N, C-alpha and C. Protein backbone atom coordinates (compact mmCIF):
# COMPACT_ATOMS: atom_id res chain seq x y z
N MET A 1 19.42 314.84 64.03
CA MET A 1 19.63 316.28 63.96
C MET A 1 20.73 316.63 64.96
N SER A 2 21.73 317.35 64.55
CA SER A 2 22.83 317.68 65.45
C SER A 2 22.43 318.81 66.39
N GLN A 3 23.04 318.78 67.57
CA GLN A 3 22.75 319.80 68.58
C GLN A 3 23.95 320.73 68.72
N THR A 4 23.69 321.98 68.94
CA THR A 4 24.76 322.92 69.23
C THR A 4 25.06 322.86 70.71
N TRP A 5 26.09 323.52 71.17
CA TRP A 5 26.48 323.50 72.59
C TRP A 5 25.39 324.03 73.50
N SER A 6 24.50 324.88 72.99
CA SER A 6 23.46 325.47 73.84
C SER A 6 22.22 324.59 73.95
N GLY A 7 22.23 323.45 73.27
CA GLY A 7 21.07 322.57 73.33
C GLY A 7 20.08 322.82 72.19
N ARG A 8 20.28 323.90 71.43
CA ARG A 8 19.41 324.18 70.28
C ARG A 8 19.91 323.37 69.10
N SER A 9 19.03 322.98 68.22
CA SER A 9 19.45 322.21 67.06
C SER A 9 20.10 323.12 66.03
N ALA A 10 20.94 322.52 65.21
CA ALA A 10 21.58 323.27 64.14
C ALA A 10 20.51 323.81 63.18
N ALA A 11 19.41 323.05 63.00
CA ALA A 11 18.32 323.51 62.13
C ALA A 11 17.70 324.79 62.68
N SER A 12 17.51 324.87 64.01
CA SER A 12 16.95 326.08 64.62
C SER A 12 17.86 327.27 64.38
N ASP A 13 19.17 327.05 64.52
CA ASP A 13 20.12 328.14 64.27
C ASP A 13 20.05 328.60 62.82
N GLY A 14 19.89 327.65 61.90
CA GLY A 14 19.78 328.00 60.48
C GLY A 14 18.52 328.80 60.20
N ILE A 15 17.41 328.43 60.86
CA ILE A 15 16.15 329.15 60.69
C ILE A 15 16.30 330.56 61.24
N ASP A 16 16.92 330.69 62.41
CA ASP A 16 17.14 332.03 62.99
C ASP A 16 17.96 332.90 62.04
N THR A 17 18.97 332.31 61.44
CA THR A 17 19.82 333.06 60.50
C THR A 17 19.01 333.49 59.28
N GLU A 18 18.18 332.58 58.77
CA GLU A 18 17.36 332.92 57.59
C GLU A 18 16.35 334.01 57.91
N ILE A 19 15.73 333.95 59.07
CA ILE A 19 14.77 334.99 59.46
C ILE A 19 15.48 336.33 59.63
N ALA A 20 16.67 336.31 60.20
CA ALA A 20 17.45 337.55 60.34
C ALA A 20 17.78 338.13 58.97
N ARG A 21 18.07 337.26 58.01
CA ARG A 21 18.36 337.70 56.65
C ARG A 21 17.11 338.37 56.04
N VAL A 22 15.95 337.75 56.24
CA VAL A 22 14.70 338.31 55.71
C VAL A 22 14.40 339.64 56.39
N ARG A 23 14.64 339.74 57.69
CA ARG A 23 14.40 340.98 58.43
C ARG A 23 15.22 342.13 57.85
N GLY A 24 16.40 341.83 57.35
CA GLY A 24 17.27 342.86 56.80
C GLY A 24 16.96 343.28 55.37
N LEU A 25 15.99 342.61 54.74
CA LEU A 25 15.66 342.96 53.34
C LEU A 25 14.95 344.30 53.26
N ASN A 26 15.24 345.03 52.18
CA ASN A 26 14.46 346.24 51.92
C ASN A 26 13.10 345.82 51.37
N LEU A 27 12.23 346.75 51.11
CA LEU A 27 10.86 346.42 50.70
C LEU A 27 10.84 345.63 49.39
N ASP A 28 11.66 346.01 48.42
CA ASP A 28 11.71 345.27 47.15
C ASP A 28 12.18 343.83 47.38
N GLY A 29 13.20 343.68 48.22
CA GLY A 29 13.70 342.35 48.54
C GLY A 29 12.66 341.51 49.26
N LEU A 30 11.89 342.14 50.15
CA LEU A 30 10.84 341.44 50.87
C LEU A 30 9.72 341.00 49.93
N HIS A 31 9.38 341.86 48.96
CA HIS A 31 8.38 341.48 47.95
C HIS A 31 8.88 340.28 47.14
N ALA A 32 10.14 340.28 46.76
CA ALA A 32 10.71 339.16 45.99
C ALA A 32 10.68 337.88 46.83
N ARG A 33 11.03 337.97 48.10
CA ARG A 33 11.02 336.80 48.96
C ARG A 33 9.60 336.28 49.14
N TRP A 34 8.63 337.18 49.26
CA TRP A 34 7.23 336.78 49.36
C TRP A 34 6.83 335.95 48.13
N ARG A 35 7.15 336.47 46.93
CA ARG A 35 6.78 335.76 45.71
C ARG A 35 7.45 334.38 45.64
N MET A 36 8.68 334.30 46.10
CA MET A 36 9.39 333.02 46.10
C MET A 36 8.76 332.06 47.13
N THR A 37 8.39 332.56 48.27
CA THR A 37 7.86 331.74 49.35
C THR A 37 6.44 331.25 49.07
N PHE A 38 5.57 332.18 48.62
CA PHE A 38 4.15 331.85 48.47
C PHE A 38 3.73 331.58 47.03
N ARG A 39 4.64 331.81 46.07
CA ARG A 39 4.39 331.58 44.64
C ARG A 39 3.16 332.34 44.14
N ARG A 40 3.05 333.58 44.62
CA ARG A 40 1.99 334.47 44.13
C ARG A 40 2.42 335.91 44.41
N ALA A 41 1.67 336.83 43.82
CA ALA A 41 2.01 338.25 43.96
C ALA A 41 1.83 338.70 45.41
N THR A 42 2.60 339.67 45.79
CA THR A 42 2.52 340.24 47.13
C THR A 42 1.24 341.05 47.26
N PRO A 43 0.50 340.91 48.35
CA PRO A 43 -0.67 341.76 48.55
C PRO A 43 -0.23 343.23 48.60
N THR A 44 -0.98 344.07 47.95
CA THR A 44 -0.57 345.48 47.83
C THR A 44 -0.84 346.28 49.10
N ASN A 45 -1.73 345.83 49.94
CA ASN A 45 -2.13 346.64 51.09
C ASN A 45 -1.45 346.26 52.41
N LEU A 46 -0.55 345.29 52.39
CA LEU A 46 0.10 344.89 53.64
C LEU A 46 1.35 345.71 53.92
N PRO A 47 1.48 346.22 55.14
CA PRO A 47 2.69 346.97 55.49
C PRO A 47 3.88 346.02 55.63
N ARG A 48 5.07 346.58 55.62
CA ARG A 48 6.31 345.81 55.65
C ARG A 48 6.36 344.84 56.84
N HIS A 49 5.97 345.29 58.03
CA HIS A 49 6.09 344.42 59.21
C HIS A 49 5.21 343.18 59.09
N LEU A 50 4.05 343.29 58.43
CA LEU A 50 3.20 342.11 58.24
C LEU A 50 3.75 341.19 57.16
N LEU A 51 4.30 341.77 56.09
CA LEU A 51 4.93 340.95 55.07
C LEU A 51 6.06 340.13 55.69
N PHE A 52 6.89 340.81 56.48
CA PHE A 52 7.99 340.11 57.15
C PHE A 52 7.46 339.01 58.06
N ALA A 53 6.47 339.32 58.88
CA ALA A 53 5.95 338.34 59.84
C ALA A 53 5.39 337.11 59.13
N MET A 54 4.72 337.32 58.02
CA MET A 54 4.12 336.19 57.30
C MET A 54 5.19 335.33 56.63
N VAL A 55 6.20 335.95 56.07
CA VAL A 55 7.30 335.19 55.46
C VAL A 55 8.05 334.44 56.55
N ALA A 56 8.35 335.10 57.67
CA ALA A 56 9.07 334.45 58.77
C ALA A 56 8.27 333.27 59.31
N TYR A 57 6.97 333.44 59.45
CA TYR A 57 6.13 332.34 59.92
C TYR A 57 6.23 331.16 58.96
N GLN A 58 6.13 331.44 57.66
CA GLN A 58 6.16 330.36 56.67
C GLN A 58 7.50 329.62 56.69
N ILE A 59 8.58 330.35 56.89
CA ILE A 59 9.90 329.71 57.00
C ILE A 59 9.90 328.72 58.17
N GLN A 60 9.37 329.15 59.30
CA GLN A 60 9.32 328.28 60.49
C GLN A 60 8.36 327.11 60.29
N ALA A 61 7.22 327.35 59.67
CA ALA A 61 6.24 326.29 59.44
C ALA A 61 6.82 325.21 58.52
N GLU A 62 7.56 325.63 57.51
CA GLU A 62 8.17 324.65 56.61
C GLU A 62 9.23 323.84 57.33
N ALA A 63 9.94 324.44 58.26
CA ALA A 63 11.02 323.74 58.96
C ALA A 63 10.51 322.87 60.11
N PHE A 64 9.53 323.37 60.87
CA PHE A 64 9.13 322.69 62.10
C PHE A 64 7.71 322.14 62.08
N GLY A 65 6.95 322.44 61.05
CA GLY A 65 5.56 321.99 60.99
C GLY A 65 4.61 323.15 61.24
N ASP A 66 3.41 323.04 60.68
CA ASP A 66 2.43 324.12 60.76
C ASP A 66 1.49 323.89 61.93
N LEU A 67 0.41 324.65 61.96
CA LEU A 67 -0.58 324.59 63.02
C LEU A 67 -1.30 323.25 63.03
N ASP A 68 -1.85 322.87 64.19
CA ASP A 68 -2.63 321.65 64.28
C ASP A 68 -3.96 321.84 63.57
N SER A 69 -4.63 320.73 63.27
CA SER A 69 -5.86 320.77 62.46
C SER A 69 -6.99 321.56 63.11
N ASP A 70 -7.13 321.51 64.46
CA ASP A 70 -8.18 322.29 65.13
C ASP A 70 -7.97 323.79 64.93
N THR A 71 -6.74 324.23 65.03
CA THR A 71 -6.44 325.65 64.88
C THR A 71 -6.67 326.09 63.43
N ILE A 72 -6.25 325.28 62.47
CA ILE A 72 -6.47 325.61 61.06
C ILE A 72 -7.97 325.69 60.76
N ARG A 73 -8.74 324.75 61.29
CA ARG A 73 -10.19 324.76 61.08
C ARG A 73 -10.80 326.03 61.67
N PHE A 74 -10.35 326.41 62.86
CA PHE A 74 -10.83 327.63 63.50
C PHE A 74 -10.49 328.85 62.65
N LEU A 75 -9.27 328.95 62.19
CA LEU A 75 -8.86 330.11 61.39
C LEU A 75 -9.61 330.17 60.05
N ASN A 76 -9.91 329.02 59.48
CA ASN A 76 -10.67 329.00 58.23
C ASN A 76 -12.10 329.51 58.41
N GLN A 77 -12.61 329.45 59.65
CA GLN A 77 -13.97 329.92 59.92
C GLN A 77 -14.01 331.41 60.23
N ILE A 78 -12.87 332.04 60.44
CA ILE A 78 -12.81 333.45 60.83
C ILE A 78 -13.44 334.36 59.77
N ASP A 79 -13.41 333.95 58.51
CA ASP A 79 -13.96 334.84 57.48
C ASP A 79 -15.49 334.81 57.43
N LEU A 80 -16.11 334.16 58.43
CA LEU A 80 -17.56 334.22 58.57
C LEU A 80 -17.96 335.62 59.01
N ALA A 81 -19.23 335.83 59.23
CA ALA A 81 -19.72 337.13 59.71
C ALA A 81 -18.96 337.53 60.97
N PRO A 82 -18.68 338.82 61.15
CA PRO A 82 -17.90 339.27 62.31
C PRO A 82 -18.43 338.78 63.65
N VAL A 83 -19.72 338.75 63.84
CA VAL A 83 -20.28 338.30 65.12
C VAL A 83 -19.93 336.84 65.36
N LYS A 84 -20.06 336.02 64.33
CA LYS A 84 -19.71 334.61 64.47
C LYS A 84 -18.22 334.45 64.75
N ALA A 85 -17.39 335.26 64.13
CA ALA A 85 -15.95 335.19 64.36
C ALA A 85 -15.62 335.51 65.81
N VAL A 86 -16.29 336.50 66.39
CA VAL A 86 -16.05 336.85 67.79
C VAL A 86 -16.46 335.69 68.69
N LEU A 87 -17.62 335.09 68.43
CA LEU A 87 -18.07 333.96 69.24
C LEU A 87 -17.12 332.77 69.11
N LEU A 88 -16.63 332.51 67.89
CA LEU A 88 -15.67 331.44 67.69
C LEU A 88 -14.39 331.70 68.47
N THR A 89 -13.93 332.93 68.44
CA THR A 89 -12.71 333.30 69.15
C THR A 89 -12.89 333.09 70.65
N GLN A 90 -14.03 333.50 71.17
CA GLN A 90 -14.28 333.35 72.60
C GLN A 90 -14.33 331.88 73.00
N SER A 91 -15.03 331.05 72.23
CA SER A 91 -15.13 329.64 72.60
C SER A 91 -13.78 328.96 72.44
N PHE A 92 -13.01 329.34 71.43
CA PHE A 92 -11.67 328.78 71.24
C PHE A 92 -10.79 329.13 72.42
N ALA A 93 -10.81 330.40 72.83
CA ALA A 93 -9.99 330.85 73.95
C ALA A 93 -10.42 330.16 75.24
N GLN A 94 -11.71 329.98 75.43
CA GLN A 94 -12.20 329.34 76.65
C GLN A 94 -11.76 327.88 76.69
N ARG A 95 -11.80 327.17 75.56
CA ARG A 95 -11.35 325.78 75.53
C ARG A 95 -9.87 325.68 75.87
N LYS A 96 -9.09 326.64 75.40
CA LYS A 96 -7.65 326.62 75.64
C LYS A 96 -7.31 327.01 77.08
N ARG A 97 -8.28 327.51 77.84
CA ARG A 97 -8.05 327.99 79.18
C ARG A 97 -8.52 326.99 80.24
N GLU A 98 -8.68 325.74 79.86
CA GLU A 98 -9.13 324.76 80.83
C GLU A 98 -8.11 324.70 81.96
N LEU A 99 -8.61 324.63 83.16
CA LEU A 99 -7.73 324.64 84.33
C LEU A 99 -7.30 323.22 84.66
N LEU A 100 -6.01 323.04 84.79
CA LEU A 100 -5.47 321.73 85.13
C LEU A 100 -5.31 321.61 86.64
N PRO A 101 -5.56 320.43 87.19
CA PRO A 101 -5.34 320.23 88.62
C PRO A 101 -3.91 320.64 89.00
N GLY A 102 -3.82 321.35 90.11
CA GLY A 102 -2.52 321.84 90.55
C GLY A 102 -2.26 323.28 90.17
N SER A 103 -3.04 323.81 89.22
CA SER A 103 -2.90 325.21 88.84
C SER A 103 -3.29 326.09 90.03
N VAL A 104 -2.65 327.23 90.14
CA VAL A 104 -2.95 328.16 91.22
C VAL A 104 -3.44 329.47 90.62
N LEU A 105 -4.60 329.92 91.09
CA LEU A 105 -5.17 331.19 90.66
C LEU A 105 -4.88 332.23 91.74
N ASN A 106 -4.45 333.40 91.33
CA ASN A 106 -4.16 334.48 92.27
C ASN A 106 -5.11 335.63 92.00
N ARG A 107 -5.58 336.26 93.09
CA ARG A 107 -6.46 337.42 92.95
C ARG A 107 -6.21 338.34 94.13
N GLU A 108 -6.05 339.62 93.83
CA GLU A 108 -5.95 340.60 94.90
C GLU A 108 -7.33 341.23 95.08
N TRP A 109 -7.76 341.33 96.32
CA TRP A 109 -9.06 341.92 96.61
C TRP A 109 -8.97 342.62 97.96
N GLY A 110 -9.36 343.86 98.00
CA GLY A 110 -9.36 344.61 99.26
C GLY A 110 -7.98 344.68 99.90
N GLY A 111 -6.93 344.77 99.08
CA GLY A 111 -5.58 344.87 99.60
C GLY A 111 -4.98 343.57 100.09
N ARG A 112 -5.66 342.46 99.84
CA ARG A 112 -5.16 341.15 100.27
C ARG A 112 -5.05 340.22 99.07
N ASN A 113 -4.03 339.38 99.06
CA ASN A 113 -3.86 338.40 97.98
C ASN A 113 -4.51 337.08 98.36
N TYR A 114 -5.21 336.49 97.40
CA TYR A 114 -5.87 335.22 97.60
C TYR A 114 -5.32 334.22 96.59
N ARG A 115 -5.05 332.99 97.06
CA ARG A 115 -4.53 331.93 96.20
C ARG A 115 -5.49 330.75 96.27
N VAL A 116 -5.94 330.30 95.10
CA VAL A 116 -6.87 329.17 95.00
C VAL A 116 -6.20 328.09 94.16
N THR A 117 -6.24 326.86 94.63
CA THR A 117 -5.64 325.74 93.91
C THR A 117 -6.74 324.94 93.22
N VAL A 118 -6.49 324.60 91.95
CA VAL A 118 -7.43 323.79 91.17
C VAL A 118 -7.23 322.33 91.56
N LEU A 119 -8.33 321.65 91.88
CA LEU A 119 -8.31 320.23 92.23
C LEU A 119 -8.91 319.41 91.09
N GLU A 120 -8.81 318.09 91.19
CA GLU A 120 -9.46 317.21 90.20
C GLU A 120 -10.96 317.51 90.15
N GLN A 121 -11.56 317.67 91.32
CA GLN A 121 -12.98 317.98 91.43
C GLN A 121 -13.14 319.23 92.28
N GLY A 122 -13.14 320.40 91.68
CA GLY A 122 -13.36 321.62 92.42
C GLY A 122 -12.10 322.42 92.67
N PHE A 123 -12.12 323.14 93.81
CA PHE A 123 -11.05 324.09 94.12
C PHE A 123 -10.78 324.07 95.62
N ALA A 124 -9.55 324.45 96.00
CA ALA A 124 -9.18 324.53 97.41
C ALA A 124 -8.76 325.95 97.73
N TRP A 125 -9.28 326.45 98.84
CA TRP A 125 -8.90 327.77 99.33
C TRP A 125 -8.96 327.75 100.85
N GLU A 126 -7.92 328.21 101.49
CA GLU A 126 -7.80 328.25 102.94
C GLU A 126 -8.19 326.92 103.58
N ALA A 127 -7.55 325.85 103.10
CA ALA A 127 -7.70 324.49 103.65
C ALA A 127 -9.13 323.96 103.59
N ARG A 128 -9.90 324.45 102.61
CA ARG A 128 -11.28 323.99 102.46
C ARG A 128 -11.57 323.76 100.97
N SER A 129 -12.38 322.78 100.64
CA SER A 129 -12.74 322.48 99.26
C SER A 129 -14.03 323.19 98.87
N TYR A 130 -14.08 323.63 97.63
CA TYR A 130 -15.27 324.29 97.08
C TYR A 130 -15.59 323.65 95.73
N LYS A 131 -16.87 323.62 95.39
CA LYS A 131 -17.29 323.06 94.10
C LYS A 131 -17.03 324.02 92.95
N SER A 132 -17.07 325.34 93.22
CA SER A 132 -16.93 326.30 92.14
C SER A 132 -16.13 327.53 92.57
N LEU A 133 -15.62 328.22 91.57
CA LEU A 133 -14.93 329.48 91.83
C LEU A 133 -15.90 330.54 92.31
N SER A 134 -17.14 330.45 91.89
CA SER A 134 -18.14 331.42 92.32
C SER A 134 -18.37 331.35 93.83
N GLU A 135 -18.34 330.14 94.40
CA GLU A 135 -18.48 330.00 95.85
C GLU A 135 -17.32 330.70 96.57
N ILE A 136 -16.13 330.55 96.04
CA ILE A 136 -14.96 331.18 96.66
C ILE A 136 -15.04 332.69 96.52
N ALA A 137 -15.42 333.16 95.33
CA ALA A 137 -15.54 334.61 95.11
C ALA A 137 -16.55 335.22 96.08
N LYS A 138 -17.64 334.51 96.31
CA LYS A 138 -18.65 335.01 97.25
C LYS A 138 -18.11 335.02 98.68
N ALA A 139 -17.35 333.98 99.05
CA ALA A 139 -16.77 333.92 100.39
C ALA A 139 -15.76 335.05 100.60
N ILE A 140 -15.03 335.40 99.55
CA ILE A 140 -14.03 336.46 99.66
C ILE A 140 -14.68 337.83 99.74
N THR A 141 -15.68 338.08 98.87
CA THR A 141 -16.25 339.42 98.74
C THR A 141 -17.51 339.65 99.55
N GLY A 142 -18.21 338.57 99.88
CA GLY A 142 -19.48 338.70 100.56
C GLY A 142 -20.63 338.99 99.64
N THR A 143 -20.36 339.04 98.34
CA THR A 143 -21.42 339.27 97.34
C THR A 143 -21.32 338.22 96.23
N LYS A 144 -22.41 338.10 95.48
CA LYS A 144 -22.45 337.11 94.40
C LYS A 144 -21.59 337.59 93.23
N TRP A 145 -20.68 336.73 92.77
CA TRP A 145 -19.80 337.01 91.64
C TRP A 145 -19.80 335.82 90.70
N ASN A 146 -19.50 336.08 89.43
CA ASN A 146 -19.15 335.02 88.50
C ASN A 146 -17.70 334.66 88.83
N GLY A 147 -17.46 333.45 89.31
CA GLY A 147 -16.14 333.04 89.76
C GLY A 147 -15.05 333.16 88.71
N PRO A 148 -15.27 332.59 87.49
CA PRO A 148 -14.22 332.72 86.47
C PRO A 148 -13.90 334.18 86.15
N ARG A 149 -14.93 335.04 86.16
CA ARG A 149 -14.68 336.46 85.90
C ARG A 149 -13.91 337.10 87.05
N PHE A 150 -14.27 336.77 88.28
CA PHE A 150 -13.60 337.31 89.45
C PHE A 150 -12.11 336.97 89.43
N PHE A 151 -11.77 335.76 88.99
CA PHE A 151 -10.38 335.34 88.96
C PHE A 151 -9.69 335.65 87.63
N GLY A 152 -10.34 336.44 86.78
CA GLY A 152 -9.69 336.91 85.55
C GLY A 152 -9.65 335.90 84.43
N LEU A 153 -10.49 334.87 84.49
CA LEU A 153 -10.51 333.86 83.45
C LEU A 153 -11.45 334.21 82.30
N ARG A 154 -12.29 335.21 82.51
CA ARG A 154 -13.22 335.69 81.48
C ARG A 154 -13.34 337.18 81.57
N GLY A 155 -13.52 337.81 80.41
CA GLY A 155 -13.79 339.24 80.38
C GLY A 155 -15.24 339.49 80.72
N LYS A 156 -15.59 340.72 81.02
CA LYS A 156 -16.95 341.07 81.42
C LYS A 156 -17.97 340.73 80.33
N LYS A 157 -17.70 341.13 79.09
CA LYS A 157 -18.69 340.89 78.03
C LYS A 157 -18.88 339.40 77.77
N GLN A 158 -17.79 338.64 77.78
CA GLN A 158 -17.90 337.20 77.56
C GLN A 158 -18.69 336.56 78.68
N ALA A 159 -18.44 336.95 79.92
CA ALA A 159 -19.15 336.37 81.06
C ALA A 159 -20.64 336.67 80.96
N GLU A 160 -21.00 337.90 80.57
CA GLU A 160 -22.41 338.25 80.46
C GLU A 160 -23.08 337.43 79.36
N ALA A 161 -22.35 337.16 78.28
CA ALA A 161 -22.94 336.39 77.17
C ALA A 161 -23.14 334.94 77.53
N THR A 162 -22.35 334.41 78.50
CA THR A 162 -22.47 332.99 78.82
C THR A 162 -23.18 332.72 80.13
N GLU A 163 -23.56 333.76 80.88
CA GLU A 163 -24.25 333.55 82.15
C GLU A 163 -25.70 333.20 81.95
């Protein structure tokens, strides 16, 4: 694959050009492009911006490859009952949020910034090792906290559901 002077591939430039062309289509043109791309009728209830986004995504997926199998499996399960879909989304997001050693978590509390480093086993804060983020949150605030929630890794409702 040839490279342009900017380091981007010529294929990427061609895809950008094609997406720009699709962006410039009027609604009738976008409907025609949808039928050509997906080989079926255009959904009647989708607004123009979603039609464009879906066609643009498909152009990129055909050129560079589609989603990985775990993501496709997850998306195929979304049409389950709404409660199950929410739980699937939360567990999917939590898996994708695994903390890698060397990551730094920042939190402002009481007008002061706190930085915690993720270790292979535990966490480091102020030259001391801790087993959990909850221990650090308690040391900072003086009260019991859910550590991942304190550091913004979980929302309140998700934390309550998993505590």
